[in-house]
């Protein structure tokens, strides 16, 4: 934690066997979070994340299969419970029989984090 900022990166490897085409995908999700402090303890944090899906086998003609950009906030009710919301923009493209299809959408979400 440097001046209330936290940077993170998540890497995930996905192997999809549901459609018999053996799709391999690498998901990379860097993020940045800022914590608002009260009496030396976090009480609210703001975050942004960018998630990108790279196909490792050619199931799409573009280098990026899907991407998400998140902005949100999380209120710390206490040490065990945090609630919040986010807005995200999704872009996705794929090819079906030589035709490109795509999705461009905005999504709203609600968060609940419970620590045990």
C-alpha atoms as a PDB file:
ATOM      1  CA  UNK A   1       0.000   0.000   0.000  1.00  0.00           C
ATOM      2  CA  UNK A   2       1.682   3.200  -1.200  1.00  0.00           C
ATOM      3  CA  UNK A   3      -0.183   6.393  -0.290  1.00  0.00           C
ATOM      4  CA  UNK A   4      -3.477   4.439  -0.162  1.00  0.00           C
ATOM      5  CA  UNK A   5      -2.979   2.949  -3.677  1.00  0.00           C
ATOM      6  CA  UNK A   6      -2.846  -0.772  -4.479  1.00  0.00           C
ATOM      7  CA  UNK A   7      -1.943  -2.174  -7.900  1.00  0.00           C
ATOM      8  CA  UNK A   8      -2.696  -5.762  -8.843  1.00  0.00           C
ATOM      9  CA  UNK A   9      -2.566  -8.121 -11.782  1.00  0.00           C
ATOM     10  CA  UNK A  10      -4.430 -11.406 -12.218  1.00  0.00           C
ATOM     11  CA  UNK A  11      -3.441 -13.990 -14.811  1.00  0.00           C
ATOM     12  CA  UNK A  12      -5.720 -16.912 -15.647  1.00  0.00           C
ATOM     13  CA  UNK A  13      -5.456 -19.751 -18.142  1.00  0.00           C
ATOM     14  CA  UNK A  14      -8.769 -21.170 -19.405  1.00  0.00           C
ATOM     15  CA  UNK A  15      -9.250 -24.427 -21.244  1.00  0.00           C
ATOM     16  CA  UNK A  16     -12.758 -24.865 -22.675  1.00  0.00           C
ATOM     17  CA  UNK A  17     -13.706 -28.472 -23.454  1.00  0.00           C
ATOM     18  CA  UNK A  18     -17.455 -27.919 -23.782  1.00  0.00           C
ATOM     19  CA  UNK A  19     -17.524 -27.466 -27.565  1.00  0.00           C
ATOM     20  CA  UNK A  20     -14.913 -30.095 -28.596  1.00  0.00           C
ATOM     21  CA  UNK A  21     -12.702 -27.430 -30.203  1.00  0.00           C
ATOM     22  CA  UNK A  22     -10.323 -27.176 -27.236  1.00  0.00           C
ATOM     23  CA  UNK A  23     -10.229 -23.402 -26.911  1.00  0.00           C
ATOM     24  CA  UNK A  24      -7.307 -22.047 -24.878  1.00  0.00           C
ATOM     25  CA  UNK A  25      -7.548 -18.518 -23.486  1.00  0.00           C
ATOM     26  CA  UNK A  26      -5.248 -16.341 -21.395  1.00  0.00           C
ATOM     27  CA  UNK A  27      -7.044 -13.746 -19.240  1.00  0.00           C
ATOM     28  CA  UNK A  28      -5.023 -10.794 -17.967  1.00  0.00           C
ATOM     29  CA  UNK A  29      -6.599  -8.366 -15.498  1.00  0.00           C
ATOM     30  CA  UNK A  30      -4.555  -5.447 -14.174  1.00  0.00           C
ATOM     31  CA  UNK A  31      -6.242  -3.217 -11.620  1.00  0.00           C
ATOM     32  CA  UNK A  32      -5.770  -0.160  -9.461  1.00  0.00           C
ATOM     33  CA  UNK A  33      -7.548   0.561  -6.155  1.00  0.00           C
ATOM     34  CA  UNK A  34      -7.555   3.696  -4.019  1.00  0.00           C
ATOM     35  CA  UNK A  35      -8.540   3.407  -0.333  1.00  0.00           C
ATOM     36  CA  UNK A  36     -10.158   6.300   1.520  1.00  0.00           C
ATOM     37  CA  UNK A  37      -9.072   6.131   5.152  1.00  0.00           C
ATOM     38  CA  UNK A  38     -10.795   7.219   8.357  1.00  0.00           C
ATOM     39  CA  UNK A  39      -8.950   6.956  11.683  1.00  0.00           C
ATOM     40  CA  UNK A  40      -6.250   4.878  10.021  1.00  0.00           C
ATOM     41  CA  UNK A  41      -8.698   2.297   8.629  1.00  0.00           C
ATOM     42  CA  UNK A  42     -10.187   1.954   5.137  1.00  0.00           C
ATOM     43  CA  UNK A  43     -13.858   2.898   4.922  1.00  0.00           C
ATOM     44  CA  UNK A  44     -14.342   3.173   1.144  1.00  0.00           C
ATOM     45  CA  UNK A  45     -12.344   2.175  -1.902  1.00  0.00           C
ATOM     46  CA  UNK A  46     -12.556   3.101  -5.570  1.00  0.00           C
ATOM     47  CA  UNK A  47     -11.257   0.714  -8.209  1.00  0.00           C
ATOM     48  CA  UNK A  48     -10.703   0.240 -11.904  1.00  0.00           C
ATOM     49  CA  UNK A  49      -9.767  -2.972 -13.709  1.00  0.00           C
ATOM     50  CA  UNK A  50      -9.143  -3.815 -17.336  1.00  0.00           C
ATOM     51  CA  UNK A  51      -9.637  -7.459 -18.264  1.00  0.00           C
ATOM     52  CA  UNK A  52      -8.569  -8.829 -21.630  1.00  0.00           C
ATOM     53  CA  UNK A  53      -8.988 -12.300 -23.127  1.00  0.00           C
ATOM     54  CA  UNK A  54      -6.257 -13.471 -25.532  1.00  0.00           C
ATOM     55  CA  UNK A  55      -7.074 -16.559 -27.614  1.00  0.00           C
ATOM     56  CA  UNK A  56      -4.152 -18.996 -27.541  1.00  0.00           C
ATOM     57  CA  UNK A  57      -5.652 -21.042 -30.351  1.00  0.00           C
ATOM     58  CA  UNK A  58      -7.133 -19.343 -33.389  1.00  0.00           C
ATOM     59  CA  UNK A  59     -10.857 -19.286 -32.625  1.00  0.00           C
ATOM     60  CA  UNK A  60     -11.102 -15.618 -33.522  1.00  0.00           C
ATOM     61  CA  UNK A  61      -9.355 -13.515 -36.152  1.00  0.00           C
ATOM     62  CA  UNK A  62      -8.643 -10.644 -33.790  1.00  0.00           C
ATOM     63  CA  UNK A  63      -5.797 -10.635 -31.280  1.00  0.00           C
ATOM     64  CA  UNK A  64      -8.224  -9.853 -28.436  1.00  0.00           C
ATOM     65  CA  UNK A  65     -11.337 -12.006 -28.139  1.00  0.00           C
ATOM     66  CA  UNK A  66     -13.006 -10.087 -25.305  1.00  0.00           C
ATOM     67  CA  UNK A  67     -12.271  -7.132 -23.013  1.00  0.00           C
ATOM     68  CA  UNK A  68     -13.903  -5.522 -19.975  1.00  0.00           C
ATOM     69  CA  UNK A  69     -13.269  -2.137 -18.362  1.00  0.00           C
ATOM     70  CA  UNK A  70     -14.574  -1.841 -14.777  1.00  0.00           C
ATOM     71  CA  UNK A  71     -15.095   1.192 -12.507  1.00  0.00           C
ATOM     72  CA  UNK A  72     -16.559   0.794  -9.036  1.00  0.00           C
ATOM     73  CA  UNK A  73     -16.633   1.470  -5.351  1.00  0.00           C
ATOM     74  CA  UNK A  74     -16.855  -0.561  -2.174  1.00  0.00           C
ATOM     75  CA  UNK A  75     -18.110   0.689   1.211  1.00  0.00           C
ATOM     76  CA  UNK A  76     -16.654  -1.025   4.291  1.00  0.00           C
ATOM     77  CA  UNK A  77     -19.582  -1.542   6.672  1.00  0.00           C
ATOM     78  CA  UNK A  78     -17.224  -3.204   9.148  1.00  0.00           C
ATOM     79  CA  UNK A  79     -14.238  -5.593   9.132  1.00  0.00           C
ATOM     80  CA  UNK A  80     -16.412  -8.461   7.906  1.00  0.00           C
ATOM     81  CA  UNK A  81     -18.863  -6.911   5.409  1.00  0.00           C
ATOM     82  CA  UNK A  82     -18.307  -4.663   2.396  1.00  0.00           C
ATOM     83  CA  UNK A  83     -20.911  -3.619  -0.181  1.00  0.00           C
ATOM     84  CA  UNK A  84     -20.612  -1.732  -3.434  1.00  0.00           C
ATOM     85  CA  UNK A  85     -21.381  -1.436  -7.103  1.00  0.00           C
ATOM     86  CA  UNK A  86     -19.613  -1.138 -10.433  1.00  0.00           C
ATOM     87  CA  UNK A  87     -20.158  -0.255 -14.062  1.00  0.00           C
ATOM     88  CA  UNK A  88     -18.383  -2.199 -16.796  1.00  0.00           C
ATOM     89  CA  UNK A  89     -18.002  -1.906 -20.543  1.00  0.00           C
ATOM     90  CA  UNK A  90     -17.709  -5.182 -22.479  1.00  0.00           C
ATOM     91  CA  UNK A  91     -16.394  -5.690 -26.020  1.00  0.00           C
ATOM     92  CA  UNK A  92     -16.398  -9.146 -27.568  1.00  0.00           C
ATOM     93  CA  UNK A  93     -15.914 -10.454 -31.109  1.00  0.00           C
ATOM     94  CA  UNK A  94     -15.943 -13.891 -32.699  1.00  0.00           C
ATOM     95  CA  UNK A  95     -16.204 -15.505 -36.116  1.00  0.00           C
ATOM     96  CA  UNK A  96     -18.916 -17.878 -37.314  1.00  0.00           C
ATOM     97  CA  UNK A  97     -18.444 -19.279 -40.808  1.00  0.00           C
ATOM     98  CA  UNK A  98     -16.417 -16.331 -42.143  1.00  0.00           C
ATOM     99  CA  UNK A  99     -18.668 -13.694 -40.590  1.00  0.00           C
ATOM    100  CA  UNK A 100     -17.633 -11.549 -37.674  1.00  0.00           C
ATOM    101  CA  UNK A 101     -20.066 -11.031 -34.804  1.00  0.00           C
ATOM    102  CA  UNK A 102     -19.538  -8.675 -31.901  1.00  0.00           C
ATOM    103  CA  UNK A 103     -21.004  -7.383 -28.645  1.00  0.00           C
ATOM    104  CA  UNK A 104     -20.558  -3.892 -27.198  1.00  0.00           C
ATOM    105  CA  UNK A 105     -22.440  -3.488 -23.938  1.00  0.00           C
ATOM    106  CA  UNK A 106     -22.554  -1.657 -20.616  1.00  0.00           C
ATOM    107  CA  UNK A 107     -23.184  -3.621 -17.430  1.00  0.00           C
ATOM    108  CA  UNK A 108     -24.119  -2.569 -13.884  1.00  0.00           C
ATOM    109  CA  UNK A 109     -23.326  -4.809 -10.946  1.00  0.00           C
ATOM    110  CA  UNK A 110     -23.705  -5.053  -7.183  1.00  0.00           C
ATOM    111  CA  UNK A 111     -20.926  -6.359  -4.930  1.00  0.00           C
ATOM    112  CA  UNK A 112     -21.043  -8.001  -1.552  1.00  0.00           C
ATOM    113  CA  UNK A 113     -17.879  -9.185   0.192  1.00  0.00           C
ATOM    114  CA  UNK A 114     -18.068 -11.191   3.383  1.00  0.00           C
ATOM    115  CA  UNK A 115     -14.935 -12.116   5.340  1.00  0.00           C
ATOM    116  CA  UNK A 116     -14.969 -15.175   7.574  1.00  0.00           C
END
